[in-house]
């Protein structure tokens, strides 16, 4: 079932990532359950290398209301960062990069 979510990813002193996006509940649950590491790249400046697992506290469920979701989709009101738009990686694939929890 489609749902509207708010995303907040604390990146320590580098800053934070925020977003409002629509996703399937099953996909969101799978992302959090597996501890999949999402690589955002240098989105907060050169050498920022933002990555980490998406945890329950990073996402806030907003609504399942089909009318609200239809308006958001129709007017393209999704904004900011959506973790599903970024490459998923295994931590071992990236060398010399700090994971969110290590900061």
PDB file of N, CA and C in Angstrom:
ATOM      1  N   UNK A   1       0.834  -1.181   0.000  1.00  0.00           N
ATOM      2  CA  UNK A   1       0.000   0.000   0.000  1.00  0.00           C
ATOM      3  C   UNK A   1       0.879   1.244   0.000  1.00  0.00           C
ATOM      4  N   UNK A   2       0.545   2.207  -0.830  1.00  0.00           N
ATOM      5  CA  UNK A   2       1.301   3.460  -0.893  1.00  0.00           C
ATOM      6  C   UNK A   2       1.080   4.277   0.365  1.00  0.00           C
ATOM      7  N   UNK A   3       2.140   4.953   0.791  1.00  0.00           N
ATOM      8  CA  UNK A   3       2.065   5.814   1.963  1.00  0.00           C
ATOM      9  C   UNK A   3       2.985   7.013   1.768  1.00  0.00           C
ATOM     10  N   UNK A   4       2.692   8.059   2.508  1.00  0.00           N
ATOM     11  CA  UNK A   4       3.516   9.264   2.499  1.00  0.00           C
ATOM     12  C   UNK A   4       4.420   9.224   3.724  1.00  0.00           C
ATOM     13  N   UNK A   5       5.716   9.473   3.516  1.00  0.00           N
ATOM     14  CA  UNK A   5       6.703   9.438   4.585  1.00  0.00           C
ATOM     15  C   UNK A   5       7.531  10.717   4.603  1.00  0.00           C
ATOM     16  N   UNK A   6       7.954  11.098   5.815  1.00  0.00           N
ATOM     17  CA  UNK A   6       8.957  12.151   5.989  1.00  0.00           C
ATOM     18  C   UNK A   6      10.272  11.447   6.284  1.00  0.00           C
ATOM     19  N   UNK A   7      11.341  11.984   5.731  1.00  0.00           N
ATOM     20  CA  UNK A   7      12.681  11.413   5.900  1.00  0.00           C
ATOM     21  C   UNK A   7      13.563  12.438   6.589  1.00  0.00           C
ATOM     22  N   UNK A   8      14.273  12.009   7.624  1.00  0.00           N
ATOM     23  CA  UNK A   8      15.240  12.864   8.320  1.00  0.00           C
ATOM     24  C   UNK A   8      16.450  11.997   8.659  1.00  0.00           C
ATOM     25  N   UNK A   9      17.592  12.360   8.112  1.00  0.00           N
ATOM     26  CA  UNK A   9      18.826  11.597   8.288  1.00  0.00           C
ATOM     27  C   UNK A   9      19.871  12.529   8.886  1.00  0.00           C
ATOM     28  N   UNK A  10      20.217  12.308  10.146  1.00  0.00           N
ATOM     29  CA  UNK A  10      21.192  13.145  10.846  1.00  0.00           C
ATOM     30  C   UNK A  10      22.599  12.734  10.425  1.00  0.00           C
ATOM     31  N   UNK A  11      23.361  13.684   9.920  1.00  0.00           N
ATOM     32  CA  UNK A  11      24.709  13.403   9.430  1.00  0.00           C
ATOM     33  C   UNK A  11      25.771  14.023  10.338  1.00  0.00           C
ATOM     34  N   UNK A  12      25.441  14.195  11.604  1.00  0.00           N
ATOM     35  CA  UNK A  12      26.399  14.763  12.544  1.00  0.00           C
ATOM     36  C   UNK A  12      26.694  16.208  12.217  1.00  0.00           C
ATOM     37  N   UNK A  13      27.935  16.596  12.367  1.00  0.00           N
ATOM     38  CA  UNK A  13      28.289  18.005  12.149  1.00  0.00           C
ATOM     39  C   UNK A  13      28.231  18.419  10.681  1.00  0.00           C
ATOM     40  N   UNK A  14      28.140  17.430   9.791  1.00  0.00           N
ATOM     41  CA  UNK A  14      28.023  17.746   8.359  1.00  0.00           C
ATOM     42  C   UNK A  14      26.671  18.354   8.016  1.00  0.00           C
ATOM     43  N   UNK A  15      25.641  18.026   8.786  1.00  0.00           N
ATOM     44  CA  UNK A  15      24.301  18.537   8.498  1.00  0.00           C
ATOM     45  C   UNK A  15      23.269  17.430   8.575  1.00  0.00           C
ATOM     46  N   UNK A  16      22.226  17.585   7.800  1.00  0.00           N
ATOM     47  CA  UNK A  16      21.153  16.600   7.790  1.00  0.00           C
ATOM     48  C   UNK A  16      20.499  16.564   6.415  1.00  0.00           C
ATOM     49  N   UNK A  17      19.839  15.443   6.145  1.00  0.00           N
ATOM     50  CA  UNK A  17      19.083  15.276   4.909  1.00  0.00           C
ATOM     51  C   UNK A  17      17.613  15.148   5.283  1.00  0.00           C
ATOM     52  N   UNK A  18      16.737  15.837   4.564  1.00  0.00           N
ATOM     53  CA  UNK A  18      15.307  15.784   4.819  1.00  0.00           C
ATOM     54  C   UNK A  18      14.566  15.563   3.516  1.00  0.00           C
ATOM     55  N   UNK A  19      13.393  14.975   3.606  1.00  0.00           N
ATOM     56  CA  UNK A  19      12.590  14.763   2.417  1.00  0.00           C
ATOM     57  C   UNK A  19      11.173  14.355   2.755  1.00  0.00           C
ATOM     58  N   UNK A  20      10.318  14.441   1.761  1.00  0.00           N
ATOM     59  CA  UNK A  20       8.929  14.009   1.833  1.00  0.00           C
ATOM     60  C   UNK A  20       8.703  13.190   0.571  1.00  0.00           C
ATOM     61  N   UNK A  21       8.324  11.902   0.742  1.00  0.00           N
ATOM     62  CA  UNK A  21       8.212  11.042  -0.425  1.00  0.00           C
ATOM     63  C   UNK A  21       7.119  10.001  -0.250  1.00  0.00           C
ATOM     64  N   UNK A  22       6.700   9.425  -1.365  1.00  0.00           N
ATOM     65  CA  UNK A  22       5.695   8.363  -1.388  1.00  0.00           C
ATOM     66  C   UNK A  22       6.403   7.055  -1.698  1.00  0.00           C
ATOM     67  N   UNK A  23       6.064   6.019  -0.932  1.00  0.00           N
ATOM     68  CA  UNK A  23       6.659   4.699  -1.154  1.00  0.00           C
ATOM     69  C   UNK A  23       5.686   3.629  -0.702  1.00  0.00           C
ATOM     70  N   UNK A  24       5.917   2.441  -1.170  1.00  0.00           N
ATOM     71  CA  UNK A  24       5.121   1.298  -0.759  1.00  0.00           C
ATOM     72  C   UNK A  24       5.559   0.866   0.642  1.00  0.00           C
ATOM     73  N   UNK A  25       4.598   0.606   1.528  1.00  0.00           N
ATOM     74  CA  UNK A  25       4.914   0.190   2.901  1.00  0.00           C
ATOM     75  C   UNK A  25       5.855  -1.002   2.941  1.00  0.00           C
ATOM     76  N   UNK A  26       5.625  -1.966   2.068  1.00  0.00           N
ATOM     77  CA  UNK A  26       6.473  -3.158   2.046  1.00  0.00           C
ATOM     78  C   UNK A  26       7.920  -2.823   1.728  1.00  0.00           C
ATOM     79  N   UNK A  27       8.129  -1.911   0.785  1.00  0.00           N
ATOM     80  CA  UNK A  27       9.490  -1.504   0.431  1.00  0.00           C
ATOM     81  C   UNK A  27      10.175  -0.795   1.593  1.00  0.00           C
ATOM     82  N   UNK A  28       9.420   0.069   2.288  1.00  0.00           N
ATOM     83  CA  UNK A  28       9.976   0.797   3.431  1.00  0.00           C
ATOM     84  C   UNK A  28      10.351  -0.173   4.544  1.00  0.00           C
ATOM     85  N   UNK A  29       9.458  -1.106   4.848  1.00  0.00           N
ATOM     86  CA  UNK A  29       9.747  -2.089   5.893  1.00  0.00           C
ATOM     87  C   UNK A  29      10.959  -2.941   5.544  1.00  0.00           C
ATOM     88  N   UNK A  30      11.068  -3.326   4.291  1.00  0.00           N
ATOM     89  CA  UNK A  30      12.208  -4.133   3.829  1.00  0.00           C
ATOM     90  C   UNK A  30      13.516  -3.348   3.965  1.00  0.00           C
ATOM     91  N   UNK A  31      13.496  -2.076   3.608  1.00  0.00           N
ATOM     92  CA  UNK A  31      14.686  -1.225   3.698  1.00  0.00           C
ATOM     93  C   UNK A  31      15.175  -1.139   5.136  1.00  0.00           C
ATOM     94  N   UNK A  32      14.259  -0.932   6.073  1.00  0.00           N
ATOM     95  CA  UNK A  32      14.643  -0.812   7.485  1.00  0.00           C
ATOM     96  C   UNK A  32      15.035  -2.167   8.086  1.00  0.00           C
ATOM     97  N   UNK A  33      14.297  -3.213   7.737  1.00  0.00           N
ATOM     98  CA  UNK A  33      14.528  -4.538   8.301  1.00  0.00           C
ATOM     99  C   UNK A  33      15.904  -5.086   7.932  1.00  0.00           C
ATOM    100  N   UNK A  34      16.303  -4.880   6.695  1.00  0.00           N
ATOM    101  CA  UNK A  34      17.567  -5.435   6.204  1.00  0.00           C
ATOM    102  C   UNK A  34      18.780  -4.621   6.613  1.00  0.00           C
ATOM    103  N   UNK A  35      18.584  -3.417   7.128  1.00  0.00           N
ATOM    104  CA  UNK A  35      19.728  -2.574   7.477  1.00  0.00           C
ATOM    105  C   UNK A  35      20.551  -2.194   6.265  1.00  0.00           C
ATOM    106  N   UNK A  36      19.882  -2.081   5.134  1.00  0.00           N
ATOM    107  CA  UNK A  36      20.561  -1.756   3.889  1.00  0.00           C
ATOM    108  C   UNK A  36      21.266  -0.407   4.003  1.00  0.00           C
ATOM    109  N   UNK A  37      22.534  -0.389   3.630  1.00  0.00           N
ATOM    110  CA  UNK A  37      23.301   0.857   3.650  1.00  0.00           C
ATOM    111  C   UNK A  37      23.010   1.613   2.353  1.00  0.00           C
ATOM    112  N   UNK A  38      22.575   2.859   2.496  1.00  0.00           N
ATOM    113  CA  UNK A  38      22.282   3.702   1.342  1.00  0.00           C
ATOM    114  C   UNK A  38      23.394   4.742   1.213  1.00  0.00           C
ATOM    115  N   UNK A  39      23.933   4.868   0.031  1.00  0.00           N
ATOM    116  CA  UNK A  39      25.022   5.798  -0.247  1.00  0.00           C
ATOM    117  C   UNK A  39      24.452   7.026  -0.951  1.00  0.00           C
ATOM    118  N   UNK A  40      24.519   8.174  -0.279  1.00  0.00           N
ATOM    119  CA  UNK A  40      24.001   9.426  -0.836  1.00  0.00           C
ATOM    120  C   UNK A  40      25.073  10.201  -1.597  1.00  0.00           C
ATOM    121  N   UNK A  41      26.315   9.839  -1.415  1.00  0.00           N
ATOM    122  CA  UNK A  41      27.401  10.546  -2.091  1.00  0.00           C
ATOM    123  C   UNK A  41      27.813  11.788  -1.319  1.00  0.00           C
ATOM    124  N   UNK A  42      28.354  12.750  -2.039  1.00  0.00           N
ATOM    125  CA  UNK A  42      28.857  13.989  -1.435  1.00  0.00           C
ATOM    126  C   UNK A  42      27.779  15.071  -1.462  1.00  0.00           C
ATOM    127  N   UNK A  43      26.582  14.743  -0.983  1.00  0.00           N
ATOM    128  CA  UNK A  43      25.441  15.666  -1.070  1.00  0.00           C
ATOM    129  C   UNK A  43      25.550  16.867  -0.138  1.00  0.00           C
ATOM    130  N   UNK A  44      26.435  16.809   0.850  1.00  0.00           N
ATOM    131  CA  UNK A  44      26.611  17.933   1.771  1.00  0.00           C
ATOM    132  C   UNK A  44      27.956  18.618   1.589  1.00  0.00           C
ATOM    133  N   UNK A  45      28.516  18.498   0.400  1.00  0.00           N
ATOM    134  CA  UNK A  45      29.780  19.157   0.089  1.00  0.00           C
ATOM    135  C   UNK A  45      30.877  18.165  -0.233  1.00  0.00           C
ATOM    136  N   UNK A  46      31.920  18.701  -0.809  1.00  0.00           N
ATOM    137  CA  UNK A  46      33.054  17.885  -1.214  1.00  0.00           C
ATOM    138  C   UNK A  46      33.603  17.113  -0.016  1.00  0.00           C
ATOM    139  N   UNK A  47      33.868  15.841  -0.220  1.00  0.00           N
ATOM    140  CA  UNK A  47      34.412  14.922   0.779  1.00  0.00           C
ATOM    141  C   UNK A  47      33.445  14.607   1.918  1.00  0.00           C
ATOM    142  N   UNK A  48      32.160  14.898   1.762  1.00  0.00           N
ATOM    143  CA  UNK A  48      31.208  14.613   2.845  1.00  0.00           C
ATOM    144  C   UNK A  48      30.831  13.134   2.884  1.00  0.00           C
ATOM    145  N   UNK A  49      30.774  12.442   1.743  1.00  0.00           N
ATOM    146  CA  UNK A  49      30.510  11.009   1.659  1.00  0.00           C
ATOM    147  C   UNK A  49      29.456  10.534   2.667  1.00  0.00           C
ATOM    148  N   UNK A  50      28.208  10.862   2.422  1.00  0.00           N
ATOM    149  CA  UNK A  50      27.113  10.514   3.328  1.00  0.00           C
ATOM    150  C   UNK A  50      26.556   9.136   2.979  1.00  0.00           C
ATOM    151  N   UNK A  51      26.534   8.255   3.978  1.00  0.00           N
ATOM    152  CA  UNK A  51      25.992   6.919   3.792  1.00  0.00           C
ATOM    153  C   UNK A  51      25.610   6.341   5.146  1.00  0.00           C
ATOM    154  N   UNK A  52      24.767   5.337   5.122  1.00  0.00           N
ATOM    155  CA  UNK A  52      24.400   4.657   6.351  1.00  0.00           C
ATOM    156  C   UNK A  52      23.127   3.870   6.171  1.00  0.00           C
ATOM    157  N   UNK A  53      22.806   3.042   7.152  1.00  0.00           N
ATOM    158  CA  UNK A  53      21.554   2.281   7.084  1.00  0.00           C
ATOM    159  C   UNK A  53      20.369   3.187   7.403  1.00  0.00           C
ATOM    160  N   UNK A  54      19.243   2.921   6.788  1.00  0.00           N
ATOM    161  CA  UNK A  54      18.019   3.656   7.083  1.00  0.00           C
ATOM    162  C   UNK A  54      17.345   2.935   8.244  1.00  0.00           C
ATOM    163  N   UNK A  55      17.165   3.661   9.336  1.00  0.00           N
ATOM    164  CA  UNK A  55      16.591   3.078  10.540  1.00  0.00           C
ATOM    165  C   UNK A  55      15.197   3.642  10.781  1.00  0.00           C
ATOM    166  N   UNK A  56      14.488   3.019  11.710  1.00  0.00           N
ATOM    167  CA  UNK A  56      13.115   3.410  12.019  1.00  0.00           C
ATOM    168  C   UNK A  56      13.001   4.892  12.371  1.00  0.00           C
ATOM    169  N   UNK A  57      13.946   5.423  13.127  1.00  0.00           N
ATOM    170  CA  UNK A  57      13.907   6.825  13.538  1.00  0.00           C
ATOM    171  C   UNK A  57      14.138   7.802  12.386  1.00  0.00           C
ATOM    172  N   UNK A  58      14.646   7.319  11.263  1.00  0.00           N
ATOM    173  CA  UNK A  58      14.913   8.186  10.107  1.00  0.00           C
ATOM    174  C   UNK A  58      13.654   8.462   9.295  1.00  0.00           C
ATOM    175  N   UNK A  59      12.623   7.642   9.462  1.00  0.00           N
ATOM    176  CA  UNK A  59      11.394   7.766   8.676  1.00  0.00           C
ATOM    177  C   UNK A  59      10.196   7.979   9.583  1.00  0.00           C
ATOM    178  N   UNK A  60       9.305   8.877   9.163  1.00  0.00           N
ATOM    179  CA  UNK A  60       8.055   9.115   9.887  1.00  0.00           C
ATOM    180  C   UNK A  60       6.910   8.881   8.933  1.00  0.00           C
ATOM    181  N   UNK A  61       6.038   7.948   9.285  1.00  0.00           N
ATOM    182  CA  UNK A  61       4.839   7.694   8.495  1.00  0.00           C
ATOM    183  C   UNK A  61       3.927   8.906   8.620  1.00  0.00           C
ATOM    184  N   UNK A  62       3.370   9.384   7.486  1.00  0.00           N
ATOM    185  CA  UNK A  62       2.460  10.523   7.509  1.00  0.00           C
ATOM    186  C   UNK A  62       1.024  10.066   7.291  1.00  0.00           C
ATOM    187  N   UNK A  63       0.758   9.365   6.171  1.00  0.00           N
ATOM    188  CA  UNK A  63      -0.616   8.948   5.898  1.00  0.00           C
ATOM    189  C   UNK A  63      -0.692   7.891   4.808  1.00  0.00           C
ATOM    190  N   UNK A  64      -1.807   7.147   4.830  1.00  0.00           N
ATOM    191  CA  UNK A  64      -2.177   6.236   3.744  1.00  0.00           C
ATOM    192  C   UNK A  64      -3.309   6.838   2.917  1.00  0.00           C
ATOM    193  N   UNK A  65      -3.803   7.997   3.294  1.00  0.00           N
ATOM    194  CA  UNK A  65      -4.961   8.625   2.654  1.00  0.00           C
ATOM    195  C   UNK A  65      -4.723   8.751   1.145  1.00  0.00           C
ATOM    196  N   UNK A  66      -5.536   8.038   0.364  1.00  0.00           N
ATOM    197  CA  UNK A  66      -5.370   8.012  -1.089  1.00  0.00           C
ATOM    198  C   UNK A  66      -5.539   9.387  -1.722  1.00  0.00           C
ATOM    199  N   UNK A  67      -6.418  10.207  -1.163  1.00  0.00           N
ATOM    200  CA  UNK A  67      -6.632  11.556  -1.711  1.00  0.00           C
ATOM    201  C   UNK A  67      -5.399  12.433  -1.511  1.00  0.00           C
ATOM    202  N   UNK A  68      -4.802  12.343  -0.350  1.00  0.00           N
ATOM    203  CA  UNK A  68      -3.587  13.112  -0.073  1.00  0.00           C
ATOM    204  C   UNK A  68      -2.468  12.659  -1.007  1.00  0.00           C
ATOM    205  N   UNK A  69      -2.301  11.361  -1.123  1.00  0.00           N
ATOM    206  CA  UNK A  69      -1.245  10.812  -1.986  1.00  0.00           C
ATOM    207  C   UNK A  69      -1.484  11.213  -3.441  1.00  0.00           C
ATOM    208  N   UNK A  70      -2.740  11.189  -3.888  1.00  0.00           N
ATOM    209  CA  UNK A  70      -3.059  11.582  -5.268  1.00  0.00           C
ATOM    210  C   UNK A  70      -2.693  13.043  -5.520  1.00  0.00           C
ATOM    211  N   UNK A  71      -2.978  13.921  -4.564  1.00  0.00           N
ATOM    212  CA  UNK A  71      -2.630  15.347  -4.720  1.00  0.00           C
ATOM    213  C   UNK A  71      -1.118  15.519  -4.775  1.00  0.00           C
ATOM    214  N   UNK A  72      -0.402  14.832  -3.889  1.00  0.00           N
ATOM    215  CA  UNK A  72       1.072  14.928  -3.872  1.00  0.00           C
ATOM    216  C   UNK A  72       1.653  14.453  -5.198  1.00  0.00           C
ATOM    217  N   UNK A  73       1.131  13.349  -5.708  1.00  0.00           N
ATOM    218  CA  UNK A  73       1.625  12.831  -6.989  1.00  0.00           C
ATOM    219  C   UNK A  73       1.246  13.741  -8.147  1.00  0.00           C
ATOM    220  N   UNK A  74       0.010  14.201  -8.177  1.00  0.00           N
ATOM    221  CA  UNK A  74      -0.465  15.035  -9.282  1.00  0.00           C
ATOM    222  C   UNK A  74       0.339  16.340  -9.405  1.00  0.00           C
ATOM    223  N   UNK A  75       0.586  16.973  -8.263  1.00  0.00           N
ATOM    224  CA  UNK A  75       1.297  18.253  -8.275  1.00  0.00           C
ATOM    225  C   UNK A  75       2.799  18.104  -8.060  1.00  0.00           C
ATOM    226  N   UNK A  76       3.274  16.846  -8.044  1.00  0.00           N
ATOM    227  CA  UNK A  76       4.708  16.550  -7.879  1.00  0.00           C
ATOM    228  C   UNK A  76       5.286  17.258  -6.652  1.00  0.00           C
ATOM    229  N   UNK A  77       4.660  17.027  -5.504  1.00  0.00           N
ATOM    230  CA  UNK A  77       5.037  17.702  -4.267  1.00  0.00           C
ATOM    231  C   UNK A  77       6.057  16.930  -3.425  1.00  0.00           C
ATOM    232  N   UNK A  78       6.520  15.791  -3.929  1.00  0.00           N
ATOM    233  CA  UNK A  78       7.600  15.107  -3.219  1.00  0.00           C
ATOM    234  C   UNK A  78       8.812  16.022  -3.278  1.00  0.00           C
ATOM    235  N   UNK A  79       9.510  16.144  -2.170  1.00  0.00           N
ATOM    236  CA  UNK A  79      10.608  17.101  -2.099  1.00  0.00           C
ATOM    237  C   UNK A  79      11.746  16.550  -1.252  1.00  0.00           C
ATOM    238  N   UNK A  80      12.942  17.006  -1.528  1.00  0.00           N
ATOM    239  CA  UNK A  80      14.095  16.624  -0.723  1.00  0.00           C
ATOM    240  C   UNK A  80      14.622  15.251  -1.074  1.00  0.00           C
ATOM    241  N   UNK A  81      15.168  14.601  -0.069  1.00  0.00           N
ATOM    242  CA  UNK A  81      15.833  13.315  -0.269  1.00  0.00           C
ATOM    243  C   UNK A  81      14.875  12.148  -0.069  1.00  0.00           C
ATOM    244  N   UNK A  82      14.956  11.206  -0.996  1.00  0.00           N
ATOM    245  CA  UNK A  82      14.215   9.958  -0.915  1.00  0.00           C
ATOM    246  C   UNK A  82      15.270   8.854  -0.952  1.00  0.00           C
ATOM    247  N   UNK A  83      15.403   8.068   0.119  1.00  0.00           N
ATOM    248  CA  UNK A  83      16.462   7.046   0.134  1.00  0.00           C
ATOM    249  C   UNK A  83      16.368   6.036  -0.999  1.00  0.00           C
ATOM    250  N   UNK A  84      15.173   5.881  -1.588  1.00  0.00           N
ATOM    251  CA  UNK A  84      15.016   4.939  -2.696  1.00  0.00           C
ATOM    252  C   UNK A  84      15.609   5.478  -3.999  1.00  0.00           C
ATOM    253  N   UNK A  85      15.961   6.753  -4.034  1.00  0.00           N
ATOM    254  CA  UNK A  85      16.561   7.354  -5.224  1.00  0.00           C
ATOM    255  C   UNK A  85      18.078   7.195  -5.262  1.00  0.00           C
ATOM    256  N   UNK A  86      18.656   6.611  -4.221  1.00  0.00           N
ATOM    257  CA  UNK A  86      20.110   6.532  -4.116  1.00  0.00           C
ATOM    258  C   UNK A  86      20.579   5.089  -4.144  1.00  0.00           C
ATOM    259  N   UNK A  87      21.811   4.947  -4.551  1.00  0.00           N
ATOM    260  CA  UNK A  87      22.420   3.640  -4.712  1.00  0.00           C
ATOM    261  C   UNK A  87      22.553   2.938  -3.358  1.00  0.00           C
ATOM    262  N   UNK A  88      22.152   1.691  -3.294  1.00  0.00           N
ATOM    263  CA  UNK A  88      22.353   0.880  -2.108  1.00  0.00           C
ATOM    264  C   UNK A  88      23.708   0.193  -2.242  1.00  0.00           C
ATOM    265  N   UNK A  89      24.471   0.197  -1.159  1.00  0.00           N
ATOM    266  CA  UNK A  89      25.795  -0.420  -1.211  1.00  0.00           C
ATOM    267  C   UNK A  89      26.024  -1.268   0.019  1.00  0.00           C
ATOM    268  N   UNK A  90      26.992  -2.146  -0.108  1.00  0.00           N
ATOM    269  CA  UNK A  90      27.482  -2.915   1.021  1.00  0.00           C
ATOM    270  C   UNK A  90      28.635  -2.108   1.610  1.00  0.00           C
ATOM    271  N   UNK A  91      28.699  -1.977   2.928  1.00  0.00           N
ATOM    272  CA  UNK A  91      29.740  -1.171   3.568  1.00  0.00           C
ATOM    273  C   UNK A  91      31.141  -1.584   3.135  1.00  0.00           C
ATOM    274  N   UNK A  92      31.351  -2.854   2.841  1.00  0.00           N
ATOM    275  CA  UNK A  92      32.679  -3.336   2.446  1.00  0.00           C
ATOM    276  C   UNK A  92      33.101  -2.827   1.072  1.00  0.00           C
ATOM    277  N   UNK A  93      32.124  -2.333   0.279  1.00  0.00           N
ATOM    278  CA  UNK A  93      32.425  -1.863  -1.068  1.00  0.00           C
ATOM    279  C   UNK A  93      33.051  -0.474  -1.097  1.00  0.00           C
ATOM    280  N   UNK A  94      32.941   0.257   0.003  1.00  0.00           N
ATOM    281  CA  UNK A  94      33.475   1.620   0.032  1.00  0.00           C
ATOM    282  C   UNK A  94      34.537   1.681   1.117  1.00  0.00           C
ATOM    283  N   UNK A  95      35.742   2.026   0.732  1.00  0.00           N
ATOM    284  CA  UNK A  95      36.845   2.087   1.680  1.00  0.00           C
ATOM    285  C   UNK A  95      37.001   3.507   2.208  1.00  0.00           C
ATOM    286  N   UNK A  96      37.500   3.623   3.433  1.00  0.00           N
ATOM    287  CA  UNK A  96      37.832   4.916   4.047  1.00  0.00           C
ATOM    288  C   UNK A  96      36.650   5.875   4.143  1.00  0.00           C
ATOM    289  N   UNK A  97      35.441   5.351   4.318  1.00  0.00           N
ATOM    290  CA  UNK A  97      34.256   6.197   4.462  1.00  0.00           C
ATOM    291  C   UNK A  97      33.613   5.852   5.798  1.00  0.00           C
ATOM    292  N   UNK A  98      33.295   6.891   6.581  1.00  0.00           N
ATOM    293  CA  UNK A  98      32.656   6.663   7.877  1.00  0.00           C
ATOM    294  C   UNK A  98      31.165   6.429   7.672  1.00  0.00           C
ATOM    295  N   UNK A  99      30.642   5.428   8.366  1.00  0.00           N
ATOM    296  CA  UNK A  99      29.210   5.153   8.363  1.00  0.00           C
ATOM    297  C   UNK A  99      28.556   6.067   9.387  1.00  0.00           C
ATOM    298  N   UNK A 100      27.319   6.441   9.176  1.00  0.00           N
ATOM    299  CA  UNK A 100      26.574   7.363  10.037  1.00  0.00           C
ATOM    300  C   UNK A 100      26.788   7.089  11.529  1.00  0.00           C
ATOM    301  N   UNK A 101      26.696   5.830  11.972  1.00  0.00           N
ATOM    302  CA  UNK A 101      26.786   5.492  13.382  1.00  0.00           C
ATOM    303  C   UNK A 101      28.187   5.702  13.956  1.00  0.00           C
ATOM    304  N   UNK A 102      29.194   5.818  13.107  1.00  0.00           N
ATOM    305  CA  UNK A 102      30.570   5.982  13.582  1.00  0.00           C
ATOM    306  C   UNK A 102      30.924   7.431  13.849  1.00  0.00           C
ATOM    307  N   UNK A 103      30.054   8.358  13.529  1.00  0.00           N
ATOM    308  CA  UNK A 103      30.382   9.784  13.671  1.00  0.00           C
ATOM    309  C   UNK A 103      30.214  10.233  15.098  1.00  0.00           C
TER     310      UNK A 103
END
